[in-house]
Amino acid sequence: MEASDEALIAKLINTDPVLKQLVDDHLDYERRLEDMNRRPYLSTEEDIERKRLQKAKLAGKDKIERILAPHRV
């Protein structure tokens, strides 16, 4: 995310519980994906889970963008 978005999130996160949950989920997905990407090999189930996490992370980012859009100058 851009620095301006991070600043806006920091400003809004304490007053918007939905945004807070989306950001927390996004960070969790990112952490889990980084862990999976460090592994030299993933089982079929792990690869499916990695793809699910990628989709969930992207969907969450889209939701975050929709929340931030009206607050941008």
PDB file of N, CA and C in Angstrom:
ATOM      1  N   MET A   1       0.831  -1.180   0.000  1.00  0.00           N
ATOM      2  CA  MET A   1       0.000   0.000   0.000  1.00  0.00           C
ATOM      3  C   MET A   1       0.873   1.239   0.000  1.00  0.00           C
ATOM      4  N   GLU A   2       0.325   2.280  -0.541  1.00  0.00           N
ATOM      5  CA  GLU A   2       1.059   3.540  -0.592  1.00  0.00           C
ATOM      6  C   GLU A   2       1.110   4.177   0.792  1.00  0.00           C
ATOM      7  N   ALA A   3       2.083   5.040   0.982  1.00  0.00           N
ATOM      8  CA  ALA A   3       2.248   5.709   2.278  1.00  0.00           C
ATOM      9  C   ALA A   3       1.016   6.542   2.621  1.00  0.00           C
ATOM     10  N   SER A   4       0.417   7.196   1.621  1.00  0.00           N
ATOM     11  CA  SER A   4      -0.774   8.003   1.888  1.00  0.00           C
ATOM     12  C   SER A   4      -1.933   7.124   2.350  1.00  0.00           C
ATOM     13  N   ASP A   5      -2.046   5.917   1.771  1.00  0.00           N
ATOM     14  CA  ASP A   5      -3.087   4.988   2.216  1.00  0.00           C
ATOM     15  C   ASP A   5      -2.819   4.503   3.632  1.00  0.00           C
ATOM     16  N   GLU A   6      -1.564   4.242   3.941  1.00  0.00           N
ATOM     17  CA  GLU A   6      -1.221   3.799   5.292  1.00  0.00           C
ATOM     18  C   GLU A   6      -1.549   4.875   6.319  1.00  0.00           C
ATOM     19  N   ALA A   7      -1.295   6.132   5.974  1.00  0.00           N
ATOM     20  CA  ALA A   7      -1.615   7.235   6.873  1.00  0.00           C
ATOM     21  C   ALA A   7      -3.121   7.354   7.054  1.00  0.00           C
ATOM     22  N   LEU A   8      -3.865   7.192   5.977  1.00  0.00           N
ATOM     23  CA  LEU A   8      -5.322   7.266   6.047  1.00  0.00           C
ATOM     24  C   LEU A   8      -5.883   6.111   6.874  1.00  0.00           C
ATOM     25  N   ILE A   9      -5.332   4.930   6.690  1.00  0.00           N
ATOM     26  CA  ILE A   9      -5.762   3.771   7.481  1.00  0.00           C
ATOM     27  C   ILE A   9      -5.482   4.030   8.961  1.00  0.00           C
ATOM     28  N   ALA A  10      -4.302   4.548   9.272  1.00  0.00           N
ATOM     29  CA  ALA A  10      -3.956   4.837  10.675  1.00  0.00           C
ATOM     30  C   ALA A  10      -4.943   5.836  11.276  1.00  0.00           C
ATOM     31  N   LYS A  11      -5.400   6.769  10.462  1.00  0.00           N
ATOM     32  CA  LYS A  11      -6.343   7.790  10.928  1.00  0.00           C
ATOM     33  C   LYS A  11      -7.735   7.201  11.178  1.00  0.00           C
ATOM     34  N   LEU A  12      -8.157   6.278  10.315  1.00  0.00           N
ATOM     35  CA  LEU A  12      -9.529   5.768  10.370  1.00  0.00           C
ATOM     36  C   LEU A  12      -9.703   4.481  11.168  1.00  0.00           C
ATOM     37  N   ILE A  13      -8.630   3.770  11.400  1.00  0.00           N
ATOM     38  CA  ILE A  13      -8.739   2.420  11.953  1.00  0.00           C
ATOM     39  C   ILE A  13      -9.370   2.389  13.351  1.00  0.00           C
ATOM     40  N   ASN A  14      -9.184   3.426  14.126  1.00  0.00           N
ATOM     41  CA  ASN A  14      -9.740   3.442  15.485  1.00  0.00           C
ATOM     42  C   ASN A  14     -11.229   3.738  15.516  1.00  0.00           C
ATOM     43  N   THR A  15     -11.770   4.265  14.422  1.00  0.00           N
ATOM     44  CA  THR A  15     -13.187   4.609  14.394  1.00  0.00           C
ATOM     45  C   THR A  15     -14.006   3.695  13.489  1.00  0.00           C
ATOM     46  N   ASP A  16     -13.341   2.818  12.751  1.00  0.00           N
ATOM     47  CA  ASP A  16     -14.042   1.944  11.812  1.00  0.00           C
ATOM     48  C   ASP A  16     -13.660   0.479  12.087  1.00  0.00           C
ATOM     49  N   PRO A  17     -14.512  -0.234  12.832  1.00  0.00           N
ATOM     50  CA  PRO A  17     -14.169  -1.622  13.186  1.00  0.00           C
ATOM     51  C   PRO A  17     -14.090  -2.550  11.969  1.00  0.00           C
ATOM     52  N   VAL A  18     -14.848  -2.269  10.924  1.00  0.00           N
ATOM     53  CA  VAL A  18     -14.786  -3.091   9.716  1.00  0.00           C
ATOM     54  C   VAL A  18     -13.426  -2.925   9.054  1.00  0.00           C
ATOM     55  N   LEU A  19     -12.966  -1.695   8.951  1.00  0.00           N
ATOM     56  CA  LEU A  19     -11.646  -1.426   8.380  1.00  0.00           C
ATOM     57  C   LEU A  19     -10.569  -2.105   9.216  1.00  0.00           C
ATOM     58  N   LYS A  20     -10.682  -2.013  10.523  1.00  0.00           N
ATOM     59  CA  LYS A  20      -9.687  -2.646  11.393  1.00  0.00           C
ATOM     60  C   LYS A  20      -9.634  -4.148  11.148  1.00  0.00           C
ATOM     61  N   GLN A  21     -10.791  -4.797  11.060  1.00  0.00           N
ATOM     62  CA  GLN A  21     -10.823  -6.245  10.827  1.00  0.00           C
ATOM     63  C   GLN A  21     -10.231  -6.593   9.464  1.00  0.00           C
ATOM     64  N   LEU A  22     -10.559  -5.790   8.435  1.00  0.00           N
ATOM     65  CA  LEU A  22     -10.024  -6.039   7.097  1.00  0.00           C
ATOM     66  C   LEU A  22      -8.500  -5.900   7.070  1.00  0.00           C
ATOM     67  N   VAL A  23      -7.983  -4.885   7.740  1.00  0.00           N
ATOM     68  CA  VAL A  23      -6.535  -4.669   7.782  1.00  0.00           C
ATOM     69  C   VAL A  23      -5.863  -5.806   8.557  1.00  0.00           C
ATOM     70  N   ASP A  24      -6.451  -6.195   9.684  1.00  0.00           N
ATOM     71  CA  ASP A  24      -5.894  -7.311  10.465  1.00  0.00           C
ATOM     72  C   ASP A  24      -5.872  -8.598   9.631  1.00  0.00           C
ATOM     73  N   ASP A  25      -6.975  -8.866   8.926  1.00  0.00           N
ATOM     74  CA  ASP A  25      -7.033 -10.053   8.075  1.00  0.00           C
ATOM     75  C   ASP A  25      -5.994  -9.977   6.966  1.00  0.00           C
ATOM     76  N   HIS A  26      -5.860  -8.799   6.351  1.00  0.00           N
ATOM     77  CA  HIS A  26      -4.904  -8.603   5.259  1.00  0.00           C
ATOM     78  C   HIS A  26      -3.476  -8.902   5.742  1.00  0.00           C
ATOM     79  N   LEU A  27      -3.127  -8.397   6.905  1.00  0.00           N
ATOM     80  CA  LEU A  27      -1.791  -8.639   7.452  1.00  0.00           C
ATOM     81  C   LEU A  27      -1.579 -10.118   7.779  1.00  0.00           C
ATOM     82  N   ASP A  28      -2.626 -10.784   8.274  1.00  0.00           N
ATOM     83  CA  ASP A  28      -2.531 -12.207   8.568  1.00  0.00           C
ATOM     84  C   ASP A  28      -2.336 -13.014   7.284  1.00  0.00           C
ATOM     85  N   TYR A  29      -3.104 -12.696   6.248  1.00  0.00           N
ATOM     86  CA  TYR A  29      -2.941 -13.384   4.963  1.00  0.00           C
ATOM     87  C   TYR A  29      -1.537 -13.174   4.422  1.00  0.00           C
ATOM     88  N   GLU A  30      -1.049 -11.944   4.521  1.00  0.00           N
ATOM     89  CA  GLU A  30       0.289 -11.626   4.023  1.00  0.00           C
ATOM     90  C   GLU A  30       1.357 -12.431   4.767  1.00  0.00           C
ATOM     91  N   ARG A  31       1.237 -12.509   6.069  1.00  0.00           N
ATOM     92  CA  ARG A  31       2.191 -13.266   6.880  1.00  0.00           C
ATOM     93  C   ARG A  31       2.165 -14.749   6.510  1.00  0.00           C
ATOM     94  N   ARG A  32       0.963 -15.296   6.366  1.00  0.00           N
ATOM     95  CA  ARG A  32       0.833 -16.711   6.033  1.00  0.00           C
ATOM     96  C   ARG A  32       1.355 -17.006   4.630  1.00  0.00           C
ATOM     97  N   LEU A  33       1.098 -16.106   3.691  1.00  0.00           N
ATOM     98  CA  LEU A  33       1.604 -16.292   2.331  1.00  0.00           C
ATOM     99  C   LEU A  33       3.123 -16.218   2.287  1.00  0.00           C
ATOM    100  N   GLU A  34       3.705 -15.288   3.028  1.00  0.00           N
ATOM    101  CA  GLU A  34       5.164 -15.188   3.075  1.00  0.00           C
ATOM    102  C   GLU A  34       5.767 -16.474   3.624  1.00  0.00           C
ATOM    103  N   ASP A  35       5.130 -17.037   4.634  1.00  0.00           N
ATOM    104  CA  ASP A  35       5.600 -18.297   5.204  1.00  0.00           C
ATOM    105  C   ASP A  35       5.543 -19.412   4.157  1.00  0.00           C
ATOM    106  N   MET A  36       4.455 -19.489   3.441  1.00  0.00           N
ATOM    107  CA  MET A  36       4.314 -20.524   2.409  1.00  0.00           C
ATOM    108  C   MET A  36       5.311 -20.313   1.271  1.00  0.00           C
ATOM    109  N   ASN A  37       5.547 -19.075   0.902  1.00  0.00           N
ATOM    110  CA  ASN A  37       6.447 -18.781  -0.214  1.00  0.00           C
ATOM    111  C   ASN A  37       7.907 -19.082   0.114  1.00  0.00           C
ATOM    112  N   ARG A  38       8.252 -19.180   1.394  1.00  0.00           N
ATOM    113  CA  ARG A  38       9.620 -19.525   1.791  1.00  0.00           C
ATOM    114  C   ARG A  38       9.888 -21.026   1.680  1.00  0.00           C
ATOM    115  N   ARG A  39       8.843 -21.794   1.614  1.00  0.00           N
ATOM    116  CA  ARG A  39       9.000 -23.256   1.553  1.00  0.00           C
ATOM    117  C   ARG A  39       9.426 -23.681   0.149  1.00  0.00           C
ATOM    118  N   PRO A  40      10.330 -24.636   0.070  1.00  0.00           N
ATOM    119  CA  PRO A  40      10.780 -25.095  -1.253  1.00  0.00           C
ATOM    120  C   PRO A  40       9.718 -25.919  -1.986  1.00  0.00           C
ATOM    121  N   TYR A  41       8.799 -26.509  -1.227  1.00  0.00           N
ATOM    122  CA  TYR A  41       7.783 -27.361  -1.826  1.00  0.00           C
ATOM    123  C   TYR A  41       6.497 -27.258  -1.023  1.00  0.00           C
ATOM    124  N   LEU A  42       5.369 -27.210  -1.744  1.00  0.00           N
ATOM    125  CA  LEU A  42       4.067 -27.228  -1.093  1.00  0.00           C
ATOM    126  C   LEU A  42       3.311 -28.461  -1.555  1.00  0.00           C
ATOM    127  N   SER A  43       2.608 -29.076  -0.623  1.00  0.00           N
ATOM    128  CA  SER A  43       1.749 -30.187  -1.011  1.00  0.00           C
ATOM    129  C   SER A  43       0.589 -29.627  -1.829  1.00  0.00           C
ATOM    130  N   THR A  44      -0.175 -30.502  -2.416  1.00  0.00           N
ATOM    131  CA  THR A  44      -1.335 -30.059  -3.200  1.00  0.00           C
ATOM    132  C   THR A  44      -2.300 -29.264  -2.337  1.00  0.00           C
ATOM    133  N   GLU A  45      -2.542 -29.737  -1.135  1.00  0.00           N
ATOM    134  CA  GLU A  45      -3.451 -29.046  -0.217  1.00  0.00           C
ATOM    135  C   GLU A  45      -2.900 -27.672   0.167  1.00  0.00           C
ATOM    136  N   GLU A  46      -1.595 -27.608   0.408  1.00  0.00           N
ATOM    137  CA  GLU A  46      -0.981 -26.326   0.762  1.00  0.00           C
ATOM    138  C   GLU A  46      -1.025 -25.348  -0.411  1.00  0.00           C
ATOM    139  N   ASP A  47      -0.845 -25.847  -1.613  1.00  0.00           N
ATOM    140  CA  ASP A  47      -0.917 -24.984  -2.793  1.00  0.00           C
ATOM    141  C   ASP A  47      -2.327 -24.445  -2.982  1.00  0.00           C
ATOM    142  N   ILE A  48      -3.323 -25.278  -2.757  1.00  0.00           N
ATOM    143  CA  ILE A  48      -4.719 -24.824  -2.825  1.00  0.00           C
ATOM    144  C   ILE A  48      -4.975 -23.766  -1.758  1.00  0.00           C
ATOM    145  N   GLU A  49      -4.460 -23.986  -0.564  1.00  0.00           N
ATOM    146  CA  GLU A  49      -4.617 -23.012   0.526  1.00  0.00           C
ATOM    147  C   GLU A  49      -3.907 -21.705   0.185  1.00  0.00           C
ATOM    148  N   ARG A  50      -2.734 -21.783  -0.426  1.00  0.00           N
ATOM    149  CA  ARG A  50      -2.005 -20.579  -0.827  1.00  0.00           C
ATOM    150  C   ARG A  50      -2.819 -19.772  -1.825  1.00  0.00           C
ATOM    151  N   LYS A  51      -3.416 -20.440  -2.777  1.00  0.00           N
ATOM    152  CA  LYS A  51      -4.251 -19.749  -3.772  1.00  0.00           C
ATOM    153  C   LYS A  51      -5.488 -19.140  -3.130  1.00  0.00           C
ATOM    154  N   ARG A  52      -6.076 -19.853  -2.164  1.00  0.00           N
ATOM    155  CA  ARG A  52      -7.240 -19.316  -1.450  1.00  0.00           C
ATOM    156  C   ARG A  52      -6.860 -18.055  -0.672  1.00  0.00           C
ATOM    157  N   LEU A  53      -5.699 -18.107  -0.015  1.00  0.00           N
ATOM    158  CA  LEU A  53      -5.222 -16.951   0.738  1.00  0.00           C
ATOM    159  C   LEU A  53      -4.954 -15.763  -0.185  1.00  0.00           C
ATOM    160  N   GLN A  54      -4.386 -16.022  -1.354  1.00  0.00           N
ATOM    161  CA  GLN A  54      -4.128 -14.938  -2.301  1.00  0.00           C
ATOM    162  C   GLN A  54      -5.431 -14.270  -2.725  1.00  0.00           C
ATOM    163  N   LYS A  55      -6.442 -15.074  -3.006  1.00  0.00           N
ATOM    164  CA  LYS A  55      -7.738 -14.528  -3.415  1.00  0.00           C
ATOM    165  C   LYS A  55      -8.392 -13.753  -2.271  1.00  0.00           C
ATOM    166  N   ALA A  56      -8.311 -14.295  -1.069  1.00  0.00           N
ATOM    167  CA  ALA A  56      -8.903 -13.619   0.092  1.00  0.00           C
ATOM    168  C   ALA A  56      -8.187 -12.299   0.372  1.00  0.00           C
ATOM    169  N   LYS A  57      -6.872 -12.297   0.228  1.00  0.00           N
ATOM    170  CA  LYS A  57      -6.091 -11.078   0.447  1.00  0.00           C
ATOM    171  C   LYS A  57      -6.481 -10.014  -0.575  1.00  0.00           C
ATOM    172  N   LEU A  58      -6.611 -10.403  -1.828  1.00  0.00           N
ATOM    173  CA  LEU A  58      -6.993  -9.460  -2.876  1.00  0.00           C
ATOM    174  C   LEU A  58      -8.410  -8.932  -2.669  1.00  0.00           C
ATOM    175  N   ALA A  59      -9.335  -9.816  -2.302  1.00  0.00           N
ATOM    176  CA  ALA A  59     -10.713  -9.386  -2.039  1.00  0.00           C
ATOM    177  C   ALA A  59     -10.752  -8.411  -0.867  1.00  0.00           C
ATOM    178  N   GLY A  60      -9.972  -8.688   0.167  1.00  0.00           N
ATOM    179  CA  GLY A  60      -9.909  -7.781   1.310  1.00  0.00           C
ATOM    180  C   GLY A  60      -9.318  -6.439   0.942  1.00  0.00           C
ATOM    181  N   LYS A  61      -8.297  -6.452   0.100  1.00  0.00           N
ATOM    182  CA  LYS A  61      -7.691  -5.196  -0.335  1.00  0.00           C
ATOM    183  C   LYS A  61      -8.701  -4.360  -1.116  1.00  0.00           C
ATOM    184  N   ASP A  62      -9.500  -5.011  -1.946  1.00  0.00           N
ATOM    185  CA  ASP A  62     -10.544  -4.298  -2.689  1.00  0.00           C
ATOM    186  C   ASP A  62     -11.542  -3.651  -1.736  1.00  0.00           C
ATOM    187  N   LYS A  63     -11.916  -4.366  -0.681  1.00  0.00           N
ATOM    188  CA  LYS A  63     -12.849  -3.816   0.304  1.00  0.00           C
ATOM    189  C   LYS A  63     -12.225  -2.632   1.045  1.00  0.00           C
ATOM    190  N   ILE A  64     -10.946  -2.748   1.383  1.00  0.00           N
ATOM    191  CA  ILE A  64     -10.241  -1.642   2.038  1.00  0.00           C
ATOM    192  C   ILE A  64     -10.235  -0.425   1.120  1.00  0.00           C
ATOM    193  N   GLU A  65      -9.962  -0.636  -0.153  1.00  0.00           N
ATOM    194  CA  GLU A  65      -9.946   0.461  -1.124  1.00  0.00           C
ATOM    195  C   GLU A  65     -11.302   1.153  -1.199  1.00  0.00           C
ATOM    196  N   ARG A  66     -12.387   0.379  -1.160  1.00  0.00           N
ATOM    197  CA  ARG A  66     -13.729   0.978  -1.213  1.00  0.00           C
ATOM    198  C   ARG A  66     -14.018   1.814   0.034  1.00  0.00           C
ATOM    199  N   ILE A  67     -13.486   1.389   1.173  1.00  0.00           N
ATOM    200  CA  ILE A  67     -13.691   2.164   2.405  1.00  0.00           C
ATOM    201  C   ILE A  67     -12.872   3.459   2.350  1.00  0.00           C
ATOM    202  N   LEU A  68     -11.636   3.384   1.825  1.00  0.00           N
ATOM    203  CA  LEU A  68     -10.746   4.552   1.806  1.00  0.00           C
ATOM    204  C   LEU A  68     -11.131   5.564   0.737  1.00  0.00           C
ATOM    205  N   ALA A  69     -11.708   5.133  -0.356  1.00  0.00           N
ATOM    206  CA  ALA A  69     -11.981   6.019  -1.507  1.00  0.00           C
ATOM    207  C   ALA A  69     -12.701   7.317  -1.145  1.00  0.00           C
ATOM    208  N   PRO A  70     -13.767   7.283  -0.364  1.00  0.00           N
ATOM    209  CA  PRO A  70     -14.452   8.543  -0.049  1.00  0.00           C
ATOM    210  C   PRO A  70     -13.653   9.506   0.829  1.00  0.00           C
ATOM    211  N   HIS A  71     -12.599   8.998   1.477  1.00  0.00           N
ATOM    212  CA  HIS A  71     -11.808   9.811   2.398  1.00  0.00           C
ATOM    213  C   HIS A  71     -10.573  10.432   1.735  1.00  0.00           C
ATOM    214  N   ARG A  72     -10.306  10.045   0.505  1.00  0.00           N
ATOM    215  CA  ARG A  72      -9.139  10.595  -0.196  1.00  0.00           C
ATOM    216  C   ARG A  72      -9.442  11.992  -0.703  1.00  0.00           C
ATOM    217  N   VAL A  73      -8.417  12.821  -0.656  1.00  0.00           N
ATOM    218  CA  VAL A  73      -8.582  14.211  -1.120  1.00  0.00           C
ATOM    219  C   VAL A  73      -8.245  14.313  -2.581  1.00  0.00           C
TER     220      VAL A  73
END
